[in-house]
C-alpha atoms as a PDB file:
ATOM      1  CA  UNK A   1      35.942  39.349  64.182  1.00  0.00           C
ATOM      2  CA  UNK A   2      36.790  41.615  61.316  1.00  0.00           C
ATOM      3  CA  UNK A   3      34.724  41.170  58.235  1.00  0.00           C
ATOM      4  CA  UNK A   4      36.650  41.322  54.984  1.00  0.00           C
ATOM      5  CA  UNK A   5      35.673  43.983  52.476  1.00  0.00           C
ATOM      6  CA  UNK A   6      36.501  41.580  49.606  1.00  0.00           C
ATOM      7  CA  UNK A   7      33.501  39.968  47.952  1.00  0.00           C
ATOM      8  CA  UNK A   8      32.940  36.274  48.560  1.00  0.00           C
ATOM      9  CA  UNK A   9      35.194  34.183  46.318  1.00  0.00           C
ATOM     10  CA  UNK A  10      32.276  32.137  44.912  1.00  0.00           C
ATOM     11  CA  UNK A  11      30.912  35.290  43.299  1.00  0.00           C
ATOM     12  CA  UNK A  12      34.275  35.916  41.624  1.00  0.00           C
ATOM     13  CA  UNK A  13      34.353  32.282  40.486  1.00  0.00           C
ATOM     14  CA  UNK A  14      30.880  32.305  38.912  1.00  0.00           C
ATOM     15  CA  UNK A  15      31.339  35.118  36.318  1.00  0.00           C
ATOM     16  CA  UNK A  16      34.551  33.580  34.994  1.00  0.00           C
ATOM     17  CA  UNK A  17      32.801  30.210  34.426  1.00  0.00           C
ATOM     18  CA  UNK A  18      29.383  31.466  33.442  1.00  0.00           C
ATOM     19  CA  UNK A  19      29.795  30.572  29.753  1.00  0.00           C
ATOM     20  CA  UNK A  20      31.207  27.155  30.581  1.00  0.00           C
ATOM     21  CA  UNK A  21      28.229  26.391  32.801  1.00  0.00           C
ATOM     22  CA  UNK A  22      25.833  27.642  30.118  1.00  0.00           C
ATOM     23  CA  UNK A  23      27.570  25.452  27.535  1.00  0.00           C
ATOM     24  CA  UNK A  24      27.276  22.398  29.782  1.00  0.00           C
ATOM     25  CA  UNK A  25      23.577  23.119  30.293  1.00  0.00           C
ATOM     26  CA  UNK A  26      23.012  23.395  26.529  1.00  0.00           C
ATOM     27  CA  UNK A  27      24.913  20.147  25.902  1.00  0.00           C
ATOM     28  CA  UNK A  28      22.917  18.349  28.597  1.00  0.00           C
ATOM     29  CA  UNK A  29      19.689  19.678  27.088  1.00  0.00           C
ATOM     30  CA  UNK A  30      20.682  18.556  23.576  1.00  0.00           C
ATOM     31  CA  UNK A  31      21.675  15.080  24.783  1.00  0.00           C
ATOM     32  CA  UNK A  32      18.384  14.771  26.650  1.00  0.00           C
ATOM     33  CA  UNK A  33      16.326  15.676  23.575  1.00  0.00           C
ATOM     34  CA  UNK A  34      18.367  13.346  21.363  1.00  0.00           C
ATOM     35  CA  UNK A  35      17.877  10.424  23.745  1.00  0.00           C
ATOM     36  CA  UNK A  36      14.170  11.119  24.261  1.00  0.00           C
ATOM     37  CA  UNK A  37      13.415  11.566  20.547  1.00  0.00           C
ATOM     38  CA  UNK A  38      15.302   8.386  19.634  1.00  0.00           C
ATOM     39  CA  UNK A  39      13.589   6.342  22.329  1.00  0.00           C
ATOM     40  CA  UNK A  40      10.092   7.619  21.495  1.00  0.00           C
ATOM     41  CA  UNK A  41      10.622   7.233  17.755  1.00  0.00           C
ATOM     42  CA  UNK A  42      11.743   3.613  18.145  1.00  0.00           C
ATOM     43  CA  UNK A  43       8.872   2.781  20.510  1.00  0.00           C
ATOM     44  CA  UNK A  44       6.194   4.294  18.255  1.00  0.00           C
ATOM     45  CA  UNK A  45       7.655   2.655  15.151  1.00  0.00           C
ATOM     46  CA  UNK A  46       7.576  -0.757  16.828  1.00  0.00           C
ATOM     47  CA  UNK A  47       3.962  -0.202  17.867  1.00  0.00           C
ATOM     48  CA  UNK A  48       3.107   0.839  14.300  1.00  0.00           C
ATOM     49  CA  UNK A  49       4.840  -2.245  12.891  1.00  0.00           C
ATOM     50  CA  UNK A  50       2.835  -4.603  15.098  1.00  0.00           C
ATOM     51  CA  UNK A  51      -0.445  -2.787  14.456  1.00  0.00           C
ATOM     52  CA  UNK A  52       0.310  -2.412  10.742  1.00  0.00           C
ATOM     53  CA  UNK A  53       1.013  -6.110  10.257  1.00  0.00           C
ATOM     54  CA  UNK A  54      -2.357  -6.955  11.797  1.00  0.00           C
ATOM     55  CA  UNK A  55      -4.117  -4.475   9.521  1.00  0.00           C
ATOM     56  CA  UNK A  56      -2.240  -5.725   6.466  1.00  0.00           C
ATOM     57  CA  UNK A  57      -3.255  -9.318   7.206  1.00  0.00           C
ATOM     58  CA  UNK A  58      -6.889  -8.215   7.282  1.00  0.00           C
ATOM     59  CA  UNK A  59      -6.589  -6.503   3.889  1.00  0.00           C
ATOM     60  CA  UNK A  60      -4.827  -9.498   2.324  1.00  0.00           C
ATOM     61  CA  UNK A  61      -7.376 -11.963   3.723  1.00  0.00           C
ATOM     62  CA  UNK A  62     -10.200  -9.728   2.541  1.00  0.00           C
ATOM     63  CA  UNK A  63      -8.774  -9.594  -0.972  1.00  0.00           C
ATOM     64  CA  UNK A  64      -8.013 -13.318  -1.033  1.00  0.00           C
ATOM     65  CA  UNK A  65     -11.557 -14.162   0.063  1.00  0.00           C
ATOM     66  CA  UNK A  66     -12.966 -12.000  -2.722  1.00  0.00           C
ATOM     67  CA  UNK A  67     -10.917 -13.879  -5.326  1.00  0.00           C
ATOM     68  CA  UNK A  68     -11.726 -17.306  -3.898  1.00  0.00           C
ATOM     69  CA  UNK A  69     -15.455 -16.610  -4.278  1.00  0.00           C
ATOM     70  CA  UNK A  70     -15.035 -16.785  -8.063  1.00  0.00           C
ATOM     71  CA  UNK A  71     -11.970 -18.976  -8.543  1.00  0.00           C
ATOM     72  CA  UNK A  72     -13.931 -22.223  -8.930  1.00  0.00           C
ATOM     73  CA  UNK A  73     -16.654 -20.873 -11.259  1.00  0.00           C
ATOM     74  CA  UNK A  74     -14.828 -21.156 -14.620  1.00  0.00           C
ATOM     75  CA  UNK A  75     -13.992 -24.815 -13.985  1.00  0.00           C
ATOM     76  CA  UNK A  76     -17.600 -25.471 -12.973  1.00  0.00           C
ATOM     77  CA  UNK A  77     -18.928 -23.757 -16.107  1.00  0.00           C
ATOM     78  CA  UNK A  78     -16.467 -25.597 -18.340  1.00  0.00           C
ATOM     79  CA  UNK A  79     -18.338 -28.846 -17.683  1.00  0.00           C
ATOM     80  CA  UNK A  80     -21.618 -27.325 -18.869  1.00  0.00           C
ATOM     81  CA  UNK A  81     -22.917 -29.092 -21.991  1.00  0.00           C
ATOM     82  CA  UNK A  82     -24.194 -25.947 -23.809  1.00  0.00           C
ATOM     83  CA  UNK A  83     -20.669 -24.476 -23.775  1.00  0.00           C
ATOM     84  CA  UNK A  84     -19.177 -27.647 -25.225  1.00  0.00           C
ATOM     85  CA  UNK A  85     -21.880 -27.918 -27.900  1.00  0.00           C
ATOM     86  CA  UNK A  86     -21.455 -24.322 -29.033  1.00  0.00           C
ATOM     87  CA  UNK A  87     -17.687 -24.725 -29.305  1.00  0.00           C
ATOM     88  CA  UNK A  88     -18.295 -27.807 -31.449  1.00  0.00           C
ATOM     89  CA  UNK A  89     -20.759 -25.846 -33.648  1.00  0.00           C
ATOM     90  CA  UNK A  90     -19.740 -22.162 -33.272  1.00  0.00           C
ATOM     91  CA  UNK A  91     -21.930 -20.988 -36.143  1.00  0.00           C
ATOM     92  CA  UNK A  92     -25.236 -22.078 -34.615  1.00  0.00           C
ATOM     93  CA  UNK A  93     -27.077 -18.778 -34.032  1.00  0.00           C
ATOM     94  CA  UNK A  94     -29.763 -20.343 -31.834  1.00  0.00           C
ATOM     95  CA  UNK A  95     -27.153 -21.868 -29.536  1.00  0.00           C
ATOM     96  CA  UNK A  96     -25.287 -18.536 -29.423  1.00  0.00           C
ATOM     97  CA  UNK A  97     -28.449 -16.657 -28.411  1.00  0.00           C
ATOM     98  CA  UNK A  98     -29.331 -19.239 -25.770  1.00  0.00           C
ATOM     99  CA  UNK A  99     -25.813 -19.254 -24.325  1.00  0.00           C
ATOM    100  CA  UNK A 100     -25.646 -15.445 -24.271  1.00  0.00           C
ATOM    101  CA  UNK A 101     -28.779 -15.382 -22.133  1.00  0.00           C
ATOM    102  CA  UNK A 102     -27.510 -18.221 -19.950  1.00  0.00           C
ATOM    103  CA  UNK A 103     -24.187 -16.450 -19.303  1.00  0.00           C
ATOM    104  CA  UNK A 104     -26.086 -13.234 -18.580  1.00  0.00           C
ATOM    105  CA  UNK A 105     -28.110 -15.074 -15.925  1.00  0.00           C
ATOM    106  CA  UNK A 106     -24.968 -16.617 -14.429  1.00  0.00           C
ATOM    107  CA  UNK A 107     -23.365 -13.185 -14.345  1.00  0.00           C
ATOM    108  CA  UNK A 108     -26.362 -11.655 -12.564  1.00  0.00           C
ATOM    109  CA  UNK A 109     -26.526 -14.397  -9.945  1.00  0.00           C
ATOM    110  CA  UNK A 110     -22.796 -14.378  -9.166  1.00  0.00           C
ATOM    111  CA  UNK A 111     -22.413 -10.565  -9.348  1.00  0.00           C
ATOM    112  CA  UNK A 112     -19.473 -10.983 -11.698  1.00  0.00           C
ATOM    113  CA  UNK A 113     -18.452  -8.189 -14.034  1.00  0.00           C
ATOM    114  CA  UNK A 114     -18.491 -10.304 -17.228  1.00  0.00           C
ATOM    115  CA  UNK A 115     -18.688 -13.975 -18.208  1.00  0.00           C
ATOM    116  CA  UNK A 116     -17.786 -15.123 -21.711  1.00  0.00           C
ATOM    117  CA  UNK A 117     -16.738 -18.039 -23.890  1.00  0.00           C
ATOM    118  CA  UNK A 118     -13.827 -18.028 -26.355  1.00  0.00           C
ATOM    119  CA  UNK A 119     -12.864 -20.588 -28.969  1.00  0.00           C
ATOM    120  CA  UNK A 120      -9.361 -22.030 -29.227  1.00  0.00           C
ATOM    121  CA  UNK A 121      -8.240 -19.024 -31.297  1.00  0.00           C
ATOM    122  CA  UNK A 122      -9.274 -16.495 -28.658  1.00  0.00           C
ATOM    123  CA  UNK A 123     -12.421 -15.333 -30.462  1.00  0.00           C
ATOM    124  CA  UNK A 124     -15.357 -14.582 -28.144  1.00  0.00           C
ATOM    125  CA  UNK A 125     -18.449 -16.438 -29.371  1.00  0.00           C
ATOM    126  CA  UNK A 126     -20.817 -15.806 -26.436  1.00  0.00           C
ATOM    127  CA  UNK A 127     -20.845 -13.293 -23.592  1.00  0.00           C
ATOM    128  CA  UNK A 128     -23.004 -12.074 -20.741  1.00  0.00           C
ATOM    129  CA  UNK A 129     -22.717  -8.491 -22.004  1.00  0.00           C
ATOM    130  CA  UNK A 130     -24.107  -9.352 -25.434  1.00  0.00           C
ATOM    131  CA  UNK A 131     -26.698  -6.545 -25.137  1.00  0.00           C
ATOM    132  CA  UNK A 132     -24.290  -3.834 -23.963  1.00  0.00           C
ATOM    133  CA  UNK A 133     -22.920  -1.000 -26.088  1.00  0.00           C
ATOM    134  CA  UNK A 134     -19.518  -2.708 -26.198  1.00  0.00           C
ATOM    135  CA  UNK A 135     -20.169  -6.461 -26.198  1.00  0.00           C
ATOM    136  CA  UNK A 136     -17.289  -8.925 -26.171  1.00  0.00           C
ATOM    137  CA  UNK A 137     -18.879 -11.134 -28.832  1.00  0.00           C
ATOM    138  CA  UNK A 138     -16.745 -11.134 -31.957  1.00  0.00           C
ATOM    139  CA  UNK A 139     -13.666  -9.756 -30.207  1.00  0.00           C
ATOM    140  CA  UNK A 140     -10.411 -11.643 -30.002  1.00  0.00           C
ATOM    141  CA  UNK A 141      -8.498 -11.771 -26.712  1.00  0.00           C
ATOM    142  CA  UNK A 142      -5.866 -14.337 -27.658  1.00  0.00           C
ATOM    143  CA  UNK A 143      -3.134 -11.898 -26.543  1.00  0.00           C
ATOM    144  CA  UNK A 144      -4.286 -12.054 -22.930  1.00  0.00           C
ATOM    145  CA  UNK A 145      -2.108 -14.206 -20.630  1.00  0.00           C
ATOM    146  CA  UNK A 146      -5.176 -15.759 -18.977  1.00  0.00           C
ATOM    147  CA  UNK A 147      -6.241 -17.203 -22.353  1.00  0.00           C
ATOM    148  CA  UNK A 148      -2.775 -18.602 -23.032  1.00  0.00           C
ATOM    149  CA  UNK A 149      -2.652 -20.180 -19.576  1.00  0.00           C
ATOM    150  CA  UNK A 150      -6.072 -21.786 -20.014  1.00  0.00           C
ATOM    151  CA  UNK A 151      -5.175 -23.155 -23.449  1.00  0.00           C
ATOM    152  CA  UNK A 152      -2.229 -24.869 -21.772  1.00  0.00           C
ATOM    153  CA  UNK A 153      -4.679 -26.665 -19.500  1.00  0.00           C
ATOM    154  CA  UNK A 154      -4.210 -24.409 -16.463  1.00  0.00           C
ATOM    155  CA  UNK A 155      -6.405 -22.065 -14.469  1.00  0.00           C
ATOM    156  CA  UNK A 156      -5.660 -18.682 -15.995  1.00  0.00           C
ATOM    157  CA  UNK A 157      -5.342 -15.654 -13.732  1.00  0.00           C
ATOM    158  CA  UNK A 158      -4.774 -12.079 -14.724  1.00  0.00           C
ATOM    159  CA  UNK A 159      -5.526  -8.519 -13.681  1.00  0.00           C
ATOM    160  CA  UNK A 160      -5.905  -5.882 -16.367  1.00  0.00           C
ATOM    161  CA  UNK A 161      -7.685  -2.803 -17.621  1.00  0.00           C
ATOM    162  CA  UNK A 162     -10.360  -4.031 -20.023  1.00  0.00           C
ATOM    163  CA  UNK A 163      -9.370  -3.244 -23.609  1.00  0.00           C
ATOM    164  CA  UNK A 164     -13.039  -3.126 -24.655  1.00  0.00           C
ATOM    165  CA  UNK A 165     -14.869  -1.927 -21.547  1.00  0.00           C
ATOM    166  CA  UNK A 166     -12.085   0.247 -20.135  1.00  0.00           C
ATOM    167  CA  UNK A 167     -12.893  -1.142 -16.674  1.00  0.00           C
ATOM    168  CA  UNK A 168     -10.386  -2.778 -14.373  1.00  0.00           C
ATOM    169  CA  UNK A 169     -10.945  -6.405 -13.502  1.00  0.00           C
ATOM    170  CA  UNK A 170      -9.468  -9.706 -12.422  1.00  0.00           C
ATOM    171  CA  UNK A 171      -9.874 -12.597 -14.844  1.00  0.00           C
ATOM    172  CA  UNK A 172     -10.231 -16.307 -14.145  1.00  0.00           C
ATOM    173  CA  UNK A 173     -10.113 -18.583 -17.190  1.00  0.00           C
ATOM    174  CA  UNK A 174     -10.444 -22.346 -17.533  1.00  0.00           C
ATOM    175  CA  UNK A 175     -10.174 -24.689 -20.523  1.00  0.00           C
ATOM    176  CA  UNK A 176     -13.304 -26.286 -21.972  1.00  0.00           C
ATOM    177  CA  UNK A 177     -12.310 -29.868 -22.773  1.00  0.00           C
ATOM    178  CA  UNK A 178     -13.875 -32.473 -25.012  1.00  0.00           C
ATOM    179  CA  UNK A 179     -12.574 -35.936 -25.868  1.00  0.00           C
ATOM    180  CA  UNK A 180      -9.086 -35.167 -24.584  1.00  0.00           C
ATOM    181  CA  UNK A 181      -8.727 -31.856 -26.422  1.00  0.00           C
ATOM    182  CA  UNK A 182      -9.282 -28.201 -25.524  1.00  0.00           C
ATOM    183  CA  UNK A 183     -12.075 -26.578 -27.534  1.00  0.00           C
ATOM    184  CA  UNK A 184     -11.867 -23.150 -25.965  1.00  0.00           C
ATOM    185  CA  UNK A 185     -11.891 -21.164 -22.745  1.00  0.00           C
ATOM    186  CA  UNK A 186     -14.561 -19.853 -20.386  1.00  0.00           C
ATOM    187  CA  UNK A 187     -13.703 -16.623 -18.564  1.00  0.00           C
ATOM    188  CA  UNK A 188     -15.106 -14.799 -15.558  1.00  0.00           C
ATOM    189  CA  UNK A 189     -14.111 -11.208 -14.912  1.00  0.00           C
ATOM    190  CA  UNK A 190     -14.674  -9.718 -11.461  1.00  0.00           C
ATOM    191  CA  UNK A 191     -14.666  -6.086 -10.411  1.00  0.00           C
ATOM    192  CA  UNK A 192     -12.616  -5.160  -7.329  1.00  0.00           C
ATOM    193  CA  UNK A 193     -13.632  -1.480  -7.383  1.00  0.00           C
ATOM    194  CA  UNK A 194     -16.137  -1.876  -4.542  1.00  0.00           C
ATOM    195  CA  UNK A 195     -13.501  -3.494  -2.369  1.00  0.00           C
ATOM    196  CA  UNK A 196     -11.153  -0.629  -3.157  1.00  0.00           C
ATOM    197  CA  UNK A 197     -13.850   1.873  -2.192  1.00  0.00           C
ATOM    198  CA  UNK A 198     -14.461   0.082   1.114  1.00  0.00           C
ATOM    199  CA  UNK A 199     -10.802   0.580   1.999  1.00  0.00           C
ATOM    200  CA  UNK A 200     -10.939   4.338   1.493  1.00  0.00           C
ATOM    201  CA  UNK A 201     -11.539   6.987   4.127  1.00  0.00           C
ATOM    202  CA  UNK A 202      -9.162   5.566   6.724  1.00  0.00           C
ATOM    203  CA  UNK A 203      -5.966   6.839   8.318  1.00  0.00           C
ATOM    204  CA  UNK A 204      -3.866   4.484   6.187  1.00  0.00           C
ATOM    205  CA  UNK A 205      -3.378   3.985   2.456  1.00  0.00           C
ATOM    206  CA  UNK A 206      -3.499   0.612   0.676  1.00  0.00           C
ATOM    207  CA  UNK A 207      -1.940  -0.211  -2.684  1.00  0.00           C
ATOM    208  CA  UNK A 208      -1.684  -3.462  -4.631  1.00  0.00           C
ATOM    209  CA  UNK A 209       1.047  -3.864  -7.226  1.00  0.00           C
ATOM    210  CA  UNK A 210       1.479  -6.318 -10.098  1.00  0.00           C
ATOM    211  CA  UNK A 211       4.692  -8.298 -10.816  1.00  0.00           C
ATOM    212  CA  UNK A 212       6.162  -5.221 -12.537  1.00  0.00           C
ATOM    213  CA  UNK A 213       5.486  -3.030  -9.498  1.00  0.00           C
ATOM    214  CA  UNK A 214       2.609  -1.112 -11.124  1.00  0.00           C
ATOM    215  CA  UNK A 215      -0.148   0.071  -8.783  1.00  0.00           C
ATOM    216  CA  UNK A 216      -3.579  -1.081 -10.003  1.00  0.00           C
ATOM    217  CA  UNK A 217      -5.586  -1.034  -6.760  1.00  0.00           C
ATOM    218  CA  UNK A 218      -5.176   1.948  -4.453  1.00  0.00           C
ATOM    219  CA  UNK A 219      -7.041   4.066  -1.945  1.00  0.00           C
ATOM    220  CA  UNK A 220      -5.292   7.138  -3.413  1.00  0.00           C
ATOM    221  CA  UNK A 221      -6.677   7.590  -6.945  1.00  0.00           C
ATOM    222  CA  UNK A 222      -3.742   9.699  -8.194  1.00  0.00           C
ATOM    223  CA  UNK A 223      -1.408   6.740  -7.587  1.00  0.00           C
ATOM    224  CA  UNK A 224      -3.346   4.380  -9.859  1.00  0.00           C
ATOM    225  CA  UNK A 225      -1.349   3.015 -12.813  1.00  0.00           C
ATOM    226  CA  UNK A 226       1.861   4.459 -11.399  1.00  0.00           C
ATOM    227  CA  UNK A 227       4.880   2.301 -10.572  1.00  0.00           C
ATOM    228  CA  UNK A 228       6.871   2.244  -7.341  1.00  0.00           C
ATOM    229  CA  UNK A 229      10.088   2.431  -9.358  1.00  0.00           C
ATOM    230  CA  UNK A 230      11.116   3.145 -12.931  1.00  0.00           C
ATOM    231  CA  UNK A 231      10.181   0.301 -15.279  1.00  0.00           C
ATOM    232  CA  UNK A 232      12.864  -1.451 -17.281  1.00  0.00           C
ATOM    233  CA  UNK A 233      12.482  -1.744 -21.083  1.00  0.00           C
ATOM    234  CA  UNK A 234      11.683  -5.453 -20.644  1.00  0.00           C
ATOM    235  CA  UNK A 235       8.912  -4.701 -18.133  1.00  0.00           C
ATOM    236  CA  UNK A 236       7.396  -2.051 -20.397  1.00  0.00           C
ATOM    237  CA  UNK A 237       7.472  -4.496 -23.294  1.00  0.00           C
ATOM    238  CA  UNK A 238       5.624  -7.155 -21.292  1.00  0.00           C
ATOM    239  CA  UNK A 239       2.929  -4.640 -20.345  1.00  0.00           C
ATOM    240  CA  UNK A 240       2.541  -3.536 -23.973  1.00  0.00           C
ATOM    241  CA  UNK A 241       2.325  -7.089 -25.327  1.00  0.00           C
ATOM    242  CA  UNK A 242      -0.372  -8.108 -22.845  1.00  0.00           C
ATOM    243  CA  UNK A 243      -2.199  -4.744 -23.167  1.00  0.00           C
ATOM    244  CA  UNK A 244      -2.630  -4.885 -19.416  1.00  0.00           C
ATOM    245  CA  UNK A 245      -3.091  -1.135 -19.027  1.00  0.00           C
ATOM    246  CA  UNK A 246      -4.333  -0.166 -22.477  1.00  0.00           C
ATOM    247  CA  UNK A 247      -4.306   3.599 -22.891  1.00  0.00           C
ATOM    248  CA  UNK A 248      -2.780   4.269 -19.466  1.00  0.00           C
ATOM    249  CA  UNK A 249       0.620   5.953 -19.358  1.00  0.00           C
ATOM    250  CA  UNK A 250       2.487   4.107 -16.608  1.00  0.00           C
ATOM    251  CA  UNK A 251       4.946   6.504 -14.970  1.00  0.00           C
ATOM    252  CA  UNK A 252       6.876   6.048 -11.707  1.00  0.00           C
ATOM    253  CA  UNK A 253       5.808   7.708  -8.481  1.00  0.00           C
ATOM    254  CA  UNK A 254       8.319  10.073  -6.933  1.00  0.00           C
ATOM    255  CA  UNK A 255       9.304   7.712  -4.112  1.00  0.00           C
ATOM    256  CA  UNK A 256      12.376   8.128  -1.904  1.00  0.00           C
ATOM    257  CA  UNK A 257      13.288   5.028   0.088  1.00  0.00           C
ATOM    258  CA  UNK A 258      14.645   6.401   3.366  1.00  0.00           C
ATOM    259  CA  UNK A 259      15.234   3.477   5.727  1.00  0.00           C
ATOM    260  CA  UNK A 260      14.763  -0.313   5.686  1.00  0.00           C
ATOM    261  CA  UNK A 261      13.200  -1.218   9.033  1.00  0.00           C
ATOM    262  CA  UNK A 262      12.722  -4.950   8.387  1.00  0.00           C
ATOM    263  CA  UNK A 263      12.415  -7.411   5.510  1.00  0.00           C
ATOM    264  CA  UNK A 264       8.853  -6.267   4.849  1.00  0.00           C
ATOM    265  CA  UNK A 265       8.835  -2.714   6.198  1.00  0.00           C
ATOM    266  CA  UNK A 266      10.538   0.505   5.202  1.00  0.00           C
ATOM    267  CA  UNK A 267      10.281   4.232   5.663  1.00  0.00           C
ATOM    268  CA  UNK A 268       9.528   6.077   2.423  1.00  0.00           C
ATOM    269  CA  UNK A 269       8.721   9.585   1.206  1.00  0.00           C
ATOM    270  CA  UNK A 270       6.236  10.164  -1.622  1.00  0.00           C
ATOM    271  CA  UNK A 271       6.131  13.511  -3.385  1.00  0.00           C
ATOM    272  CA  UNK A 272       2.874  14.395  -5.125  1.00  0.00           C
ATOM    273  CA  UNK A 273       2.433  16.566  -8.189  1.00  0.00           C
ATOM    274  CA  UNK A 274       0.380  19.127  -6.268  1.00  0.00           C
ATOM    275  CA  UNK A 275       2.193  18.816  -2.949  1.00  0.00           C
ATOM    276  CA  UNK A 276       5.336  20.791  -2.321  1.00  0.00           C
ATOM    277  CA  UNK A 277       6.364  18.711   0.659  1.00  0.00           C
ATOM    278  CA  UNK A 278       6.819  14.952   0.537  1.00  0.00           C
ATOM    279  CA  UNK A 279       4.611  12.719   2.659  1.00  0.00           C
ATOM    280  CA  UNK A 280       6.402  10.195   4.867  1.00  0.00           C
ATOM    281  CA  UNK A 281       5.024   6.694   5.339  1.00  0.00           C
ATOM    282  CA  UNK A 282       5.848   3.459   7.063  1.00  0.00           C
ATOM    283  CA  UNK A 283       5.272   0.971   4.227  1.00  0.00           C
ATOM    284  CA  UNK A 284       4.626  -2.698   4.953  1.00  0.00           C
ATOM    285  CA  UNK A 285       4.277  -5.323   2.224  1.00  0.00           C
ATOM    286  CA  UNK A 286       2.849  -8.831   2.033  1.00  0.00           C
ATOM    287  CA  UNK A 287       2.845 -11.036  -1.088  1.00  0.00           C
ATOM    288  CA  UNK A 288      -0.095 -12.890  -2.610  1.00  0.00           C
ATOM    289  CA  UNK A 289       1.840 -15.605  -4.492  1.00  0.00           C
ATOM    290  CA  UNK A 290      -1.064 -17.174  -6.404  1.00  0.00           C
ATOM    291  CA  UNK A 291      -2.214 -13.847  -7.793  1.00  0.00           C
ATOM    292  CA  UNK A 292       1.353 -12.606  -8.232  1.00  0.00           C
ATOM    293  CA  UNK A 293       0.575  -9.445  -6.308  1.00  0.00           C
ATOM    294  CA  UNK A 294       2.167  -7.471  -3.509  1.00  0.00           C
ATOM    295  CA  UNK A 295      -0.182  -5.751  -1.060  1.00  0.00           C
ATOM    296  CA  UNK A 296       1.215  -2.653   0.659  1.00  0.00           C
ATOM    297  CA  UNK A 297      -0.052  -0.795   3.714  1.00  0.00           C
ATOM    298  CA  UNK A 298       1.151   2.799   4.060  1.00  0.00           C
ATOM    299  CA  UNK A 299       0.910   4.350   7.520  1.00  0.00           C
ATOM    300  CA  UNK A 300       1.537   8.119   7.703  1.00  0.00           C
ATOM    301  CA  UNK A 301       4.635   8.925   9.751  1.00  0.00           C
ATOM    302  CA  UNK A 302       3.030  12.101  11.075  1.00  0.00           C
ATOM    303  CA  UNK A 303       1.962  10.068  14.122  1.00  0.00           C
ATOM    304  CA  UNK A 304       5.614   9.351  14.907  1.00  0.00           C
ATOM    305  CA  UNK A 305       6.583  12.976  14.384  1.00  0.00           C
ATOM    306  CA  UNK A 306       3.765  14.193  16.624  1.00  0.00           C
ATOM    307  CA  UNK A 307       4.680  11.747  19.399  1.00  0.00           C
ATOM    308  CA  UNK A 308       8.319  12.848  19.191  1.00  0.00           C
ATOM    309  CA  UNK A 309       7.322  16.522  19.309  1.00  0.00           C
ATOM    310  CA  UNK A 310       5.072  15.880  22.319  1.00  0.00           C
ATOM    311  CA  UNK A 311       7.895  14.042  24.104  1.00  0.00           C
ATOM    312  CA  UNK A 312      10.363  16.828  23.295  1.00  0.00           C
ATOM    313  CA  UNK A 313       7.905  19.402  24.613  1.00  0.00           C
ATOM    314  CA  UNK A 314       7.345  17.494  27.851  1.00  0.00           C
ATOM    315  CA  UNK A 315      11.094  16.921  28.291  1.00  0.00           C
ATOM    316  CA  UNK A 316      11.825  20.594  27.672  1.00  0.00           C
ATOM    317  CA  UNK A 317       9.311  21.643  30.306  1.00  0.00           C
ATOM    318  CA  UNK A 318      10.725  19.147  32.808  1.00  0.00           C
ATOM    319  CA  UNK A 319      14.299  20.226  32.055  1.00  0.00           C
ATOM    320  CA  UNK A 320      13.394  23.901  32.437  1.00  0.00           C
ATOM    321  CA  UNK A 321      11.625  23.274  35.755  1.00  0.00           C
ATOM    322  CA  UNK A 322      14.595  21.305  37.096  1.00  0.00           C
ATOM    323  CA  UNK A 323      16.996  24.001  35.885  1.00  0.00           C
ATOM    324  CA  UNK A 324      14.978  26.724  37.601  1.00  0.00           C
ATOM    325  CA  UNK A 325      14.823  24.686  40.810  1.00  0.00           C
ATOM    326  CA  UNK A 326      18.582  24.210  40.627  1.00  0.00           C
ATOM    327  CA  UNK A 327      19.168  27.934  40.108  1.00  0.00           C
ATOM    328  CA  UNK A 328      16.877  28.862  42.997  1.00  0.00           C
ATOM    329  CA  UNK A 329      18.558  26.358  45.325  1.00  0.00           C
ATOM    330  CA  UNK A 330      22.005  27.564  44.231  1.00  0.00           C
ATOM    331  CA  UNK A 331      21.027  31.175  44.839  1.00  0.00           C
ATOM    332  CA  UNK A 332      19.614  30.317  48.257  1.00  0.00           C
ATOM    333  CA  UNK A 333      22.764  28.370  49.131  1.00  0.00           C
ATOM    334  CA  UNK A 334      25.014  31.318  48.236  1.00  0.00           C
ATOM    335  CA  UNK A 335      22.893  33.735  50.244  1.00  0.00           C
ATOM    336  CA  UNK A 336      22.997  31.453  53.275  1.00  0.00           C
ATOM    337  CA  UNK A 337      26.782  31.180  52.960  1.00  0.00           C
ATOM    338  CA  UNK A 338      27.147  34.955  52.719  1.00  0.00           C
ATOM    339  CA  UNK A 339      24.873  35.476  55.698  1.00  0.00           C
ATOM    340  CA  UNK A 340      26.827  32.939  57.734  1.00  0.00           C
ATOM    341  CA  UNK A 341      30.168  34.591  56.890  1.00  0.00           C
ATOM    342  CA  UNK A 342      28.795  38.045  57.606  1.00  0.00           C
ATOM    343  CA  UNK A 343      27.417  37.026  60.978  1.00  0.00           C
ATOM    344  CA  UNK A 344      30.668  35.295  61.829  1.00  0.00           C
END
């Protein structure tokens, strides 16, 4: 049989379609990476949501337990006879000295930050810190919401930066009653700084915001007294009137809200003053209705990005191996066909 001098037609076909084949390979590769990255991203995000909600519950319960340790104390103290007697005779120096020492003892036993007694005008007449450099005795705190709430017969609650001490604290206040009237208010201030410090040094960030969205507890110190969004004039006015953050300039964080993942979770970017690139977080939130707070857990999204990159790398290697196997098998097939035609 005569062997044709013309090259095998498959070799003429391949050069003309080389770019088309290459384009199809590139498209297949791009589709593969898109599908893999989307699948891995969704899976990791769902895992982070489940894990994050568990962590957030722990933080909220921890914070709630800390508050509940002191919540009952003002009401208990309000029934104490020495407090009632001093409010009835506020000018009695011996009673003032005795009550100062008594409140100091109570403060030491309970590990509270401060314990003090105010008359019905908001004037402090006895305090546990009576021997400190900046005692509360003689100072008027009638502008504080916790005092106003207590004078209305309620348990007052409030978180603020101390206008005298300059220390952050949560206040519980309760009315001191006598013969159907309210003589004054007893207040306990607790320090949550230790709790904040215990939360630091982990892979996640925790922030607690007030009703205006101002951060007052945070594991990232540079975020303290910053707001998650720009404050309205009304919100700024409320903060000024209550002197909640006396001396602190409340400015908004540079937060970009990227994607709402659920009712309580979203993907955000936070740009820092000293960081050129924004940091991405999965932010979960849970309210504390009685305190009026919102507790947020921020999980760095770098874990998602790393998982996606790892998956893309593994997929690329697998795709390349399969492509090389395909090329080798195709080359072997063509050689076998040529050999068969030549021998024929």
